[in-house]
């Protein structure tokens, strides 16, 4: 006796097609009937059933979807098609626009890809569009398929043994309301009245929003305030503040907003995720930092905000630099600052680019980036400004000095680093960026080592060791270790200083916030 195929499997579907052909079904009807069979007899959800009926893999659907959308910036993935099929139990909710594109891939209408579980969880306006469609409203690009038979196949073609019992009838779409006879005056008047009421209802649903401009302004101010605080505060408590803010924005986004409000929310979510990536990088959590940066990039791409996209690029450049990929860091910064307005974020990107090219040993590209920065004539504020995305005057001088020092322009690099320290000392402590302040001391010590003045190097780096444990972030610890390695490479006069620094750094790092966090993870 032949082994029966598993319900819903590829052999099952192949046998079903053969049976349907033997029963006289035309080729253009078979996909619809197979879909109905998979839904009713195999309990498969309609989006999955329609894909299986067309014998398409997830990746094949994604490729066809991307071809129809013709959007090179946002290619569909097979994993996202799977997410759409799993909703609402898990996965991601497909929008009506997404369903229409999927329907075009499958050769059906979008309402055929929706079941009662979808209707129970989709937004009210989507349900209204659904009922408008099934009641004879504006049509999609293809007419609705002929309703497939809902009863099991005839006894002449019995279903496989051990097939599941027929499922209870699935709820059917509500029937179209009886249309008045338009031939008389009363029918015409009724059509005019109902058409006007429906148009007004749809328009009102489009104006419904779960946020207002005041809420968006308050969220923006809180985000800027947190960014400013981060310049002079320890990262750990601000992480929770940012996480709460990010959760608040994430809860608002699935709701209903005007398109301009949705774009602003996405821009805020992008900046918040970018800040979280920055904080995680400082705390030494590289994997979490890259996850937040990737989330920020997705939000930014939906925001249509150049500022948000450049802020995210700034963070991505920093993360690449932290991981030692200096060429990639420079490339990201270069791509983001080309043709952008002359603002503080653009200046920051140019200086990040200069420092990354310096580490990569590209001297001419360093000078090119510094020339571009100088041409902007942007000095930046003395204090906190707009937070981490806008460099203070002292921070800018640090970047210039560090880049020049890396390409062994020691004299000019030392002048810039000394200027940076002087500017930092003039900045009020509650506005001062302690990270670049410390890095300026470390860079100045490195310059003195090059010049052979180890006593001055030891003296200038001393203030760094006074930092509180919660401010001993990854960038500072990494720079201190680089100083030790650099000093040890000069055995004639640097070996003793290198040993002393190494011992102090081990003690310094043992109490750092990064070490304490990793010890409990």
Protein backbone atom coordinates (compact mmCIF):
# COMPACT_ATOMS: atom_id res chain seq x y z
CA UNK A 1 0.00 0.00 0.00
CA UNK A 2 1.40 3.39 -1.02
CA UNK A 3 2.50 5.65 1.80
CA UNK A 4 0.24 8.67 2.25
CA UNK A 5 1.75 12.14 1.97
CA UNK A 6 1.85 14.46 4.97
CA UNK A 7 -1.01 17.00 4.71
CA UNK A 8 0.29 20.28 3.30
CA UNK A 9 3.62 18.85 2.15
CA UNK A 10 4.96 19.22 -1.38
CA UNK A 11 3.99 15.63 -2.37
CA UNK A 12 0.53 16.27 -0.91
CA UNK A 13 0.18 19.40 -3.04
CA UNK A 14 1.44 17.61 -6.15
CA UNK A 15 -1.08 14.79 -5.69
CA UNK A 16 -3.83 17.34 -5.06
CA UNK A 17 -3.05 19.13 -8.32
CA UNK A 18 -3.23 15.86 -10.26
CA UNK A 19 -6.60 15.04 -8.70
CA UNK A 20 -7.93 18.51 -9.54
CA UNK A 21 -6.83 18.16 -13.16
CA UNK A 22 -8.55 14.78 -13.38
CA UNK A 23 -11.72 16.44 -12.07
CA UNK A 24 -11.70 18.96 -14.89
CA UNK A 25 -10.39 22.08 -13.13
CA UNK A 26 -8.71 24.56 -15.49
CA UNK A 27 -5.07 25.53 -14.86
CA UNK A 28 -6.02 29.08 -13.83
CA UNK A 29 -8.38 27.70 -11.14
CA UNK A 30 -6.04 25.21 -9.53
CA UNK A 31 -3.97 27.62 -7.40
CA UNK A 32 -7.14 29.02 -5.81
CA UNK A 33 -8.51 25.56 -5.05
CA UNK A 34 -5.19 24.34 -3.64
CA UNK A 35 -5.06 27.42 -1.43
CA UNK A 36 -8.57 26.74 -0.10
CA UNK A 37 -7.69 23.10 0.56
CA UNK A 38 -4.54 24.06 2.49
CA UNK A 39 -6.47 26.60 4.57
CA UNK A 40 -9.49 24.42 5.38
CA UNK A 41 -8.10 20.91 5.51
CA UNK A 42 -4.51 21.55 6.63
CA UNK A 43 -5.15 24.58 8.86
CA UNK A 44 -2.52 26.70 7.10
CA UNK A 45 -2.87 30.49 7.26
CA UNK A 46 -3.84 32.18 3.95
CA UNK A 47 -0.55 33.99 3.21
CA UNK A 48 1.45 30.80 3.67
CA UNK A 49 -1.17 28.75 1.85
CA UNK A 50 -1.14 31.07 -1.16
CA UNK A 51 2.68 30.92 -1.36
CA UNK A 52 2.71 27.12 -1.12
CA UNK A 53 -0.03 26.87 -3.72
CA UNK A 54 2.21 28.83 -6.10
CA UNK A 55 5.16 26.59 -5.10
CA UNK A 56 7.35 29.56 -4.20
CA UNK A 57 10.08 29.70 -1.55
CA UNK A 58 10.36 32.62 0.85
CA UNK A 59 13.39 33.96 -1.01
CA UNK A 60 11.65 33.68 -4.38
CA UNK A 61 8.73 35.72 -3.05
CA UNK A 62 11.14 38.30 -1.63
CA UNK A 63 12.90 38.64 -5.00
CA UNK A 64 9.62 39.11 -6.88
CA UNK A 65 8.39 41.54 -4.22
CA UNK A 66 11.55 43.66 -4.55
CA UNK A 67 11.23 43.61 -8.34
CA UNK A 68 7.68 44.93 -8.14
CA UNK A 69 8.58 47.64 -5.61
CA UNK A 70 11.72 48.56 -7.58
CA UNK A 71 13.31 50.03 -4.45
CA UNK A 72 17.06 49.40 -4.46
CA UNK A 73 17.44 50.98 -1.01
CA UNK A 74 15.06 48.58 0.72
CA UNK A 75 15.33 45.05 -0.64
CA UNK A 76 12.86 42.52 0.72
CA UNK A 77 14.25 39.44 2.50
CA UNK A 78 12.82 35.98 2.77
CA UNK A 79 12.97 36.23 6.56
CA UNK A 80 10.67 39.26 6.47
CA UNK A 81 8.16 37.38 4.25
CA UNK A 82 8.19 34.69 6.95
CA UNK A 83 7.54 37.39 9.59
CA UNK A 84 4.49 38.56 7.63
CA UNK A 85 3.16 35.01 7.47
CA UNK A 86 3.47 34.52 11.24
CA UNK A 87 1.56 37.65 12.27
CA UNK A 88 -0.42 38.24 14.53
CA UNK A 89 0.82 35.41 16.76
CA UNK A 90 4.38 36.63 16.23
CA UNK A 91 6.39 38.22 13.46
CA UNK A 92 5.60 41.59 11.88
CA UNK A 93 2.26 43.07 10.80
CA UNK A 94 2.05 43.55 7.02
CA UNK A 95 0.55 46.86 5.98
CA UNK A 96 -2.19 47.03 3.38
CA UNK A 97 0.43 48.31 0.93
CA UNK A 98 2.57 45.24 1.69
CA UNK A 99 -0.42 42.92 1.27
CA UNK A 100 -1.24 44.48 -2.09
CA UNK A 101 2.30 43.87 -3.32
CA UNK A 102 2.20 40.26 -2.05
CA UNK A 103 -1.15 39.81 -3.77
CA UNK A 104 0.42 40.97 -7.02
CA UNK A 105 3.20 38.40 -6.56
CA UNK A 106 0.65 35.63 -5.99
CA UNK A 107 -1.84 36.77 -8.65
CA UNK A 108 -4.71 37.44 -6.28
CA UNK A 109 -6.24 40.29 -4.28
CA UNK A 110 -4.98 41.40 -0.90
CA UNK A 111 -8.22 40.52 0.91
CA UNK A 112 -7.60 36.87 -0.03
CA UNK A 113 -4.43 37.00 2.10
CA UNK A 114 -6.33 38.01 5.26
CA UNK A 115 -8.21 35.84 7.75
CA UNK A 116 -10.23 36.41 10.90
CA UNK A 117 -7.12 36.48 13.12
CA UNK A 118 -5.66 39.26 11.00
CA UNK A 119 -8.91 41.23 11.12
CA UNK A 120 -9.05 40.97 14.90
CA UNK A 121 -5.60 42.56 15.29
CA UNK A 122 -5.21 44.95 12.37
CA UNK A 123 -5.82 48.71 12.78
CA UNK A 124 -9.38 49.96 12.39
CA UNK A 125 -8.58 51.84 9.18
CA UNK A 126 -7.20 48.64 7.61
CA UNK A 127 -10.42 46.79 8.51
CA UNK A 128 -12.40 49.58 6.88
CA UNK A 129 -10.38 49.18 3.69
CA UNK A 130 -10.93 45.41 3.86
CA UNK A 131 -14.72 45.74 4.16
CA UNK A 132 -14.77 48.39 1.45
CA UNK A 133 -12.90 46.00 -0.84
CA UNK A 134 -15.07 42.93 -0.22
CA UNK A 135 -18.28 44.99 -0.51
CA UNK A 136 -17.44 46.12 -4.01
CA UNK A 137 -15.33 49.19 -3.35
CA UNK A 138 -12.32 50.29 -5.42
CA UNK A 139 -10.70 47.21 -6.91
CA UNK A 140 -7.12 46.04 -6.91
CA UNK A 141 -5.18 45.37 -10.11
CA UNK A 142 -6.73 41.89 -10.46
CA UNK A 143 -10.32 40.89 -9.97
CA UNK A 144 -11.04 38.67 -7.01
CA UNK A 145 -10.67 35.03 -7.92
CA UNK A 146 -13.67 32.81 -8.30
CA UNK A 147 -14.52 31.56 -4.83
CA UNK A 148 -13.05 28.07 -4.62
CA UNK A 149 -15.13 25.12 -3.43
CA UNK A 150 -15.25 24.92 0.34
CA UNK A 151 -16.46 21.33 0.61
CA UNK A 152 -14.07 18.36 0.55
CA UNK A 153 -13.33 16.81 -2.82
CA UNK A 154 -15.80 14.22 -4.21
CA UNK A 155 -15.67 10.63 -3.10
CA UNK A 156 -14.25 9.64 -6.49
CA UNK A 157 -11.03 11.23 -5.35
CA UNK A 158 -10.88 10.45 -1.62
CA UNK A 159 -8.53 12.40 0.62
CA UNK A 160 -5.49 10.61 2.01
CA UNK A 161 -5.93 8.32 5.00
CA UNK A 162 -5.27 9.92 8.35
CA UNK A 163 -6.16 13.32 6.91
CA UNK A 164 -7.40 15.70 9.58
CA UNK A 165 -11.11 16.05 10.10
CA UNK A 166 -12.66 18.93 8.16
CA UNK A 167 -12.20 22.15 10.03
CA UNK A 168 -15.25 24.16 11.09
CA UNK A 169 -16.33 26.65 8.49
CA UNK A 170 -14.02 29.67 8.62
CA UNK A 171 -15.79 33.01 9.04
CA UNK A 172 -16.64 34.36 5.62
CA UNK A 173 -16.22 38.02 4.63
CA UNK A 174 -19.42 39.93 5.28
CA UNK A 175 -21.65 40.03 2.21
CA UNK A 176 -21.92 43.16 0.18
CA UNK A 177 -24.83 45.33 1.29
CA UNK A 178 -27.83 45.42 -1.02
CA UNK A 179 -27.32 48.17 -3.53
CA UNK A 180 -30.25 50.49 -4.17
CA UNK A 181 -31.66 50.62 -7.67
CA UNK A 182 -29.86 53.59 -9.25
CA UNK A 183 -32.48 53.90 -11.99
CA UNK A 184 -34.82 55.99 -9.87
CA UNK A 185 -34.32 59.28 -7.98
CA UNK A 186 -34.44 57.58 -4.58
CA UNK A 187 -31.69 55.13 -5.55
CA UNK A 188 -29.48 57.89 -6.89
CA UNK A 189 -29.93 59.98 -3.74
CA UNK A 190 -29.05 57.00 -1.56
CA UNK A 191 -25.89 56.28 -3.54
CA UNK A 192 -24.82 59.92 -3.22
CA UNK A 193 -25.47 59.97 0.53
CA UNK A 194 -23.65 56.70 1.33
CA UNK A 195 -20.72 57.63 -0.92
CA UNK A 196 -20.31 60.97 0.83
CA UNK A 197 -20.54 59.36 4.29
CA UNK A 198 -17.90 56.80 3.40
CA UNK A 199 -15.53 59.47 1.99
CA UNK A 200 -15.91 61.53 5.16
CA UNK A 201 -15.28 58.48 7.36
CA UNK A 202 -12.07 57.59 5.53
CA UNK A 203 -10.87 61.22 5.67
CA UNK A 204 -11.53 61.40 9.41
CA UNK A 205 -9.60 58.18 10.01
CA UNK A 206 -6.62 59.70 8.17
CA UNK A 207 -6.62 62.71 10.50
CA UNK A 208 -6.61 60.57 13.65
CA UNK A 209 -3.28 60.61 15.50
CA UNK A 210 -1.90 59.30 18.79
CA UNK A 211 0.63 62.15 19.08
CA UNK A 212 0.53 65.91 18.68
CA UNK A 213 3.19 68.47 17.92
CA UNK A 214 3.61 69.30 21.60
CA UNK A 215 4.37 65.64 22.42
CA UNK A 216 6.90 65.47 19.59
CA UNK A 217 8.54 68.69 20.79
CA UNK A 218 8.78 67.35 24.36
CA UNK A 219 10.32 64.09 23.14
CA UNK A 220 12.84 66.01 21.07
CA UNK A 221 13.78 68.25 23.98
CA UNK A 222 14.23 65.25 26.28
CA UNK A 223 16.46 63.58 23.72
CA UNK A 224 18.60 66.71 23.23
CA UNK A 225 18.82 67.17 27.00
CA UNK A 226 20.03 63.61 27.47
CA UNK A 227 22.57 64.03 24.68
CA UNK A 228 23.89 67.18 26.34
CA UNK A 229 24.06 65.51 29.74
CA UNK A 230 26.02 62.61 28.32
CA UNK A 231 28.94 64.86 27.39
CA UNK A 232 29.75 65.51 31.07
CA UNK A 233 27.94 62.65 32.89
CA UNK A 234 28.74 58.99 33.43
CA UNK A 235 27.09 56.67 30.88
CA UNK A 236 25.44 54.05 33.05
CA UNK A 237 22.45 56.00 34.48
CA UNK A 238 21.88 57.75 31.16
CA UNK A 239 21.59 54.37 29.46
CA UNK A 240 18.38 53.65 31.38
CA UNK A 241 17.05 57.12 30.66
CA UNK A 242 17.63 56.60 26.94
CA UNK A 243 16.19 53.08 27.02
CA UNK A 244 12.97 54.36 28.60
CA UNK A 245 12.75 57.15 26.04
CA UNK A 246 13.33 54.68 23.21
CA UNK A 247 10.60 52.37 24.53
CA UNK A 248 8.18 55.30 24.72
CA UNK A 249 8.85 56.23 21.08
CA UNK A 250 8.59 52.57 20.01
CA UNK A 251 5.16 52.30 21.66
CA UNK A 252 3.94 55.37 19.78
CA UNK A 253 5.17 54.33 16.32
CA UNK A 254 2.70 51.46 15.65
CA UNK A 255 -0.20 53.85 16.33
CA UNK A 256 -1.85 56.20 13.91
CA UNK A 257 -0.10 59.46 13.00
CA UNK A 258 -0.03 61.89 10.15
CA UNK A 259 2.79 61.06 7.71
CA UNK A 260 4.87 64.03 8.85
CA UNK A 261 4.49 62.96 12.48
CA UNK A 262 5.52 59.39 11.68
CA UNK A 263 8.64 60.69 9.96
CA UNK A 264 9.48 62.84 13.00
CA UNK A 265 8.97 59.86 15.33
CA UNK A 266 11.27 57.73 13.17
CA UNK A 267 13.89 60.50 13.25
CA UNK A 268 13.65 60.64 17.06
CA UNK A 269 13.87 56.84 17.29
CA UNK A 270 16.96 56.94 15.04
CA UNK A 271 18.74 59.50 17.20
CA UNK A 272 17.77 57.68 20.40
CA UNK A 273 19.07 54.34 19.09
CA UNK A 274 22.24 56.07 17.88
CA UNK A 275 22.81 57.47 21.38
CA UNK A 276 22.23 54.01 22.87
CA UNK A 277 24.84 52.61 20.48
CA UNK A 278 27.28 55.32 21.60
CA UNK A 279 26.66 54.53 25.29
CA UNK A 280 27.06 50.78 24.76
CA UNK A 281 30.34 51.40 22.94
CA UNK A 282 31.61 53.43 25.89
CA UNK A 283 30.54 50.65 28.25
CA UNK A 284 32.48 48.09 26.21
CA UNK A 285 29.37 46.26 24.95
CA UNK A 286 30.35 46.11 21.27
CA UNK A 287 27.66 43.64 20.12
CA UNK A 288 24.87 45.65 21.73
CA UNK A 289 26.32 48.86 20.27
CA UNK A 290 26.19 47.45 16.73
CA UNK A 291 22.61 46.20 17.24
CA UNK A 292 21.48 49.66 18.36
CA UNK A 293 23.34 51.24 15.44
CA UNK A 294 21.62 48.93 12.98
CA UNK A 295 18.22 49.75 14.52
CA UNK A 296 19.09 53.45 14.26
CA UNK A 297 19.92 53.07 10.57
CA UNK A 298 16.56 51.38 9.89
CA UNK A 299 14.65 54.13 11.72
CA UNK A 300 16.65 56.83 9.93
CA UNK A 301 15.91 55.33 6.51
CA UNK A 302 12.18 55.66 7.25
CA UNK A 303 12.47 59.17 8.64
CA UNK A 304 13.54 60.90 5.41
CA UNK A 305 15.59 63.16 7.71
CA UNK A 306 19.10 63.95 6.49
CA UNK A 307 20.08 65.10 9.97
CA UNK A 308 19.01 61.79 11.55
CA UNK A 309 20.81 59.80 8.86
CA UNK A 310 24.03 61.77 9.34
CA UNK A 311 23.84 61.38 13.14
CA UNK A 312 23.53 57.62 12.67
CA UNK A 313 26.46 57.63 10.21
CA UNK A 314 28.49 59.50 12.80
CA UNK A 315 27.89 56.74 15.34
CA UNK A 316 28.58 54.00 12.79
CA UNK A 317 31.89 55.69 11.94
CA UNK A 318 32.79 55.79 15.63
CA UNK A 319 31.97 52.09 16.09
CA UNK A 320 34.10 51.12 13.09
CA UNK A 321 36.96 53.18 14.53
CA UNK A 322 36.57 51.45 17.92
CA UNK A 323 36.81 48.04 16.27
CA UNK A 324 40.01 49.04 14.46
CA UNK A 325 38.50 49.28 10.97
CA UNK A 326 39.84 52.76 10.28
CA UNK A 327 39.28 52.69 6.51
CA UNK A 328 35.61 51.77 6.98
CA UNK A 329 35.27 54.47 9.64
CA UNK A 330 36.64 57.06 7.22
CA UNK A 331 34.51 55.77 4.36
CA UNK A 332 31.29 56.05 6.40
CA UNK A 333 32.13 59.57 7.55
CA UNK A 334 33.16 60.61 4.03
CA UNK A 335 29.93 59.29 2.50
CA UNK A 336 27.80 61.05 5.11
CA UNK A 337 29.47 64.45 4.90
CA UNK A 338 29.67 64.80 1.13
CA UNK A 339 27.34 67.52 -0.11
CA UNK A 340 25.76 68.15 3.31
CA UNK A 341 24.93 71.51 4.89
CA UNK A 342 27.65 73.35 6.75
CA UNK A 343 26.42 72.52 10.23
CA UNK A 344 27.87 71.08 13.42
CA UNK A 345 27.19 67.44 12.49
CA UNK A 346 28.98 67.93 9.16
CA UNK A 347 32.01 69.39 10.95
CA UNK A 348 32.03 66.46 13.35
CA UNK A 349 31.95 64.01 10.45
CA UNK A 350 34.88 65.74 8.74
CA UNK A 351 37.01 65.53 11.88
CA UNK A 352 36.08 61.87 12.42
CA UNK A 353 37.12 61.28 8.81
CA UNK A 354 40.46 63.02 9.36
CA UNK A 355 41.27 60.99 12.48
CA UNK A 356 40.28 57.70 10.83
CA UNK A 357 42.45 58.39 7.75
CA UNK A 358 45.31 59.33 10.09
CA UNK A 359 45.10 55.94 11.80
CA UNK A 360 44.98 54.31 8.38
CA UNK A 361 48.18 56.15 7.41
CA UNK A 362 46.60 58.15 4.56
CA UNK A 363 48.43 61.47 5.08
CA UNK A 364 47.09 63.34 2.06
CA UNK A 365 43.51 62.40 2.92
CA UNK A 366 44.03 63.71 6.46
CA UNK A 367 45.10 67.10 5.17
CA UNK A 368 42.21 67.10 2.70
CA UNK A 369 39.66 66.46 5.46
CA UNK A 370 41.22 69.14 7.69
CA UNK A 371 41.13 71.64 4.80
CA UNK A 372 37.44 70.89 4.28
CA UNK A 373 36.82 71.39 7.99
CA UNK A 374 38.66 74.70 8.09
CA UNK A 375 36.77 75.90 5.02
CA UNK A 376 33.53 75.59 6.98
CA UNK A 377 34.77 78.10 9.55
CA UNK A 378 32.80 76.34 12.29
CA UNK A 379 34.33 76.69 15.74
CA UNK A 380 31.52 75.14 17.74
CA UNK A 381 30.29 76.18 21.18
CA UNK A 382 32.49 76.40 24.23
CA UNK A 383 30.02 74.32 26.24
CA UNK A 384 27.78 71.34 25.60
CA UNK A 385 25.93 72.61 22.50
CA UNK A 386 23.65 69.95 21.02
CA UNK A 387 25.28 67.07 22.86
CA UNK A 388 27.54 64.37 21.46
CA UNK A 389 26.64 65.11 17.83
CA UNK A 390 27.98 68.69 18.03
CA UNK A 391 31.63 69.10 19.01
CA UNK A 392 32.75 71.76 21.46
CA UNK A 393 35.67 73.97 20.47
CA UNK A 394 37.98 71.96 22.72
CA UNK A 395 36.81 68.67 21.21
CA UNK A 396 37.46 69.94 17.71
CA UNK A 397 41.01 70.92 18.66
CA UNK A 398 41.53 67.46 20.14
CA UNK A 399 40.53 65.77 16.86
CA UNK A 400 42.81 68.03 14.84
CA UNK A 401 45.75 67.46 17.21
CA UNK A 402 45.22 63.68 17.41
CA UNK A 403 45.05 63.38 13.61
CA UNK A 404 48.22 65.42 13.11
CA UNK A 405 50.04 63.44 15.81
CA UNK A 406 49.09 60.13 14.14
CA UNK A 407 50.73 61.24 10.90
CA UNK A 408 53.79 62.33 12.94
CA UNK A 409 53.27 66.07 12.54
CA UNK A 410 54.28 66.27 16.20
CA UNK A 411 54.89 70.01 16.51
CA UNK A 412 51.52 71.10 15.12
CA UNK A 413 49.73 68.20 16.77
CA UNK A 414 51.14 69.14 20.18
CA UNK A 415 50.09 72.77 19.71
CA UNK A 416 46.52 71.71 18.92
CA UNK A 417 46.35 69.31 21.87
CA UNK A 418 47.63 71.95 24.28
CA UNK A 419 45.04 74.38 22.92
CA UNK A 420 42.38 71.72 23.49
CA UNK A 421 43.42 71.24 27.13
CA UNK A 422 43.38 74.99 27.68
CA UNK A 423 39.86 75.25 26.19
CA UNK A 424 38.66 72.32 28.29
CA UNK A 425 39.99 73.97 31.45
CA UNK A 426 38.09 77.15 30.54
CA UNK A 427 34.84 75.24 30.02
CA UNK A 428 32.61 74.87 33.11
CA UNK A 429 32.94 71.38 34.54
CA UNK A 430 29.22 70.67 34.21
CA UNK A 431 29.51 71.28 30.43
CA UNK A 432 32.96 69.83 29.77
CA UNK A 433 33.42 66.66 27.71
CA UNK A 434 35.50 64.54 30.05
CA UNK A 435 36.21 61.86 27.42
CA UNK A 436 38.00 64.09 24.90
CA UNK A 437 39.54 66.06 27.80
CA UNK A 438 41.19 62.86 29.00
CA UNK A 439 42.12 61.84 25.45
CA UNK A 440 43.78 65.24 24.96
CA UNK A 441 46.01 64.60 28.01
CA UNK A 442 46.87 61.13 26.73
CA UNK A 443 47.64 62.47 23.24
CA UNK A 444 49.83 65.22 24.69
CA UNK A 445 51.74 62.62 26.72
CA UNK A 446 52.29 60.63 23.53
CA UNK A 447 53.71 63.74 21.83
CA UNK A 448 56.15 64.28 24.68
CA UNK A 449 57.26 60.65 24.44
CA UNK A 450 58.06 61.22 20.75
CA UNK A 451 60.07 64.28 21.75
CA UNK A 452 61.94 62.24 24.40
CA UNK A 453 60.53 64.13 27.42
CA UNK A 454 59.21 61.23 29.52
CA UNK A 455 58.97 63.32 32.69
CA UNK A 456 56.60 65.79 31.02
CA UNK A 457 54.68 62.87 29.53
CA UNK A 458 54.21 61.33 32.98
CA UNK A 459 53.13 64.66 34.40
CA UNK A 460 50.58 65.53 31.69
CA UNK A 461 48.82 62.14 31.83
CA UNK A 462 48.41 62.25 35.63
CA UNK A 463 44.95 63.95 35.69
CA UNK A 464 43.45 61.02 33.75
CA UNK A 465 44.02 58.68 36.71
CA UNK A 466 41.83 60.92 38.88
CA UNK A 467 38.71 60.03 36.88
CA UNK A 468 35.88 58.46 38.89
CA UNK A 469 35.33 54.74 38.12
CA UNK A 470 31.98 55.40 36.42
CA UNK A 471 33.74 57.68 33.91
CA UNK A 472 36.47 55.23 32.95
CA UNK A 473 34.96 54.33 29.60
CA UNK A 474 36.31 52.13 26.83
CA UNK A 475 37.80 54.95 24.72
CA UNK A 476 39.92 56.20 27.63
CA UNK A 477 41.09 52.73 28.65
CA UNK A 478 42.01 51.87 25.04
CA UNK A 479 43.98 55.10 24.62
CA UNK A 480 45.91 54.50 27.83
CA UNK A 481 46.90 51.02 26.67
CA UNK A 482 47.93 52.44 23.29
CA UNK A 483 50.13 54.94 25.14
CA UNK A 484 51.83 52.11 27.04
CA UNK A 485 52.46 50.15 23.83
CA UNK A 486 53.76 53.27 22.08
CA UNK A 487 56.05 54.16 25.01
CA UNK A 488 57.39 50.61 25.33
CA UNK A 489 58.50 50.81 21.70
CA UNK A 490 61.14 53.38 22.70
CA UNK A 491 63.44 51.25 24.89
CA UNK A 492 66.16 53.86 25.28
CA UNK A 493 64.03 56.12 27.42
CA UNK A 494 60.45 54.80 27.47
CA UNK A 495 60.63 51.33 29.00
CA UNK A 496 60.61 52.54 32.62
CA UNK A 497 57.64 54.84 31.99
CA UNK A 498 55.84 52.05 30.15
CA UNK A 499 56.21 49.70 33.14
CA UNK A 500 54.96 52.36 35.57
CA UNK A 501 52.00 53.24 33.35
CA UNK A 502 51.12 49.59 32.79
CA UNK A 503 50.86 48.94 36.55
CA UNK A 504 48.77 52.03 37.11
CA UNK A 505 46.48 51.27 34.18
CA UNK A 506 45.79 47.73 35.43
CA UNK A 507 44.68 49.15 38.78
CA UNK A 508 42.78 51.98 37.06
CA UNK A 509 40.92 49.57 34.77
CA UNK A 510 40.09 47.07 37.53
CA UNK A 511 37.62 49.56 39.03
CA UNK A 512 36.26 50.91 35.72
CA UNK A 513 32.56 50.79 34.94
CA UNK A 514 33.27 48.53 31.96
CA UNK A 515 34.95 45.91 34.16
CA UNK A 516 32.21 46.03 36.78
CA UNK A 517 29.48 45.59 34.18
CA UNK A 518 31.19 42.64 32.49
CA UNK A 519 31.70 40.93 35.83
CA UNK A 520 27.94 40.66 36.35
CA UNK A 521 26.95 39.83 32.77
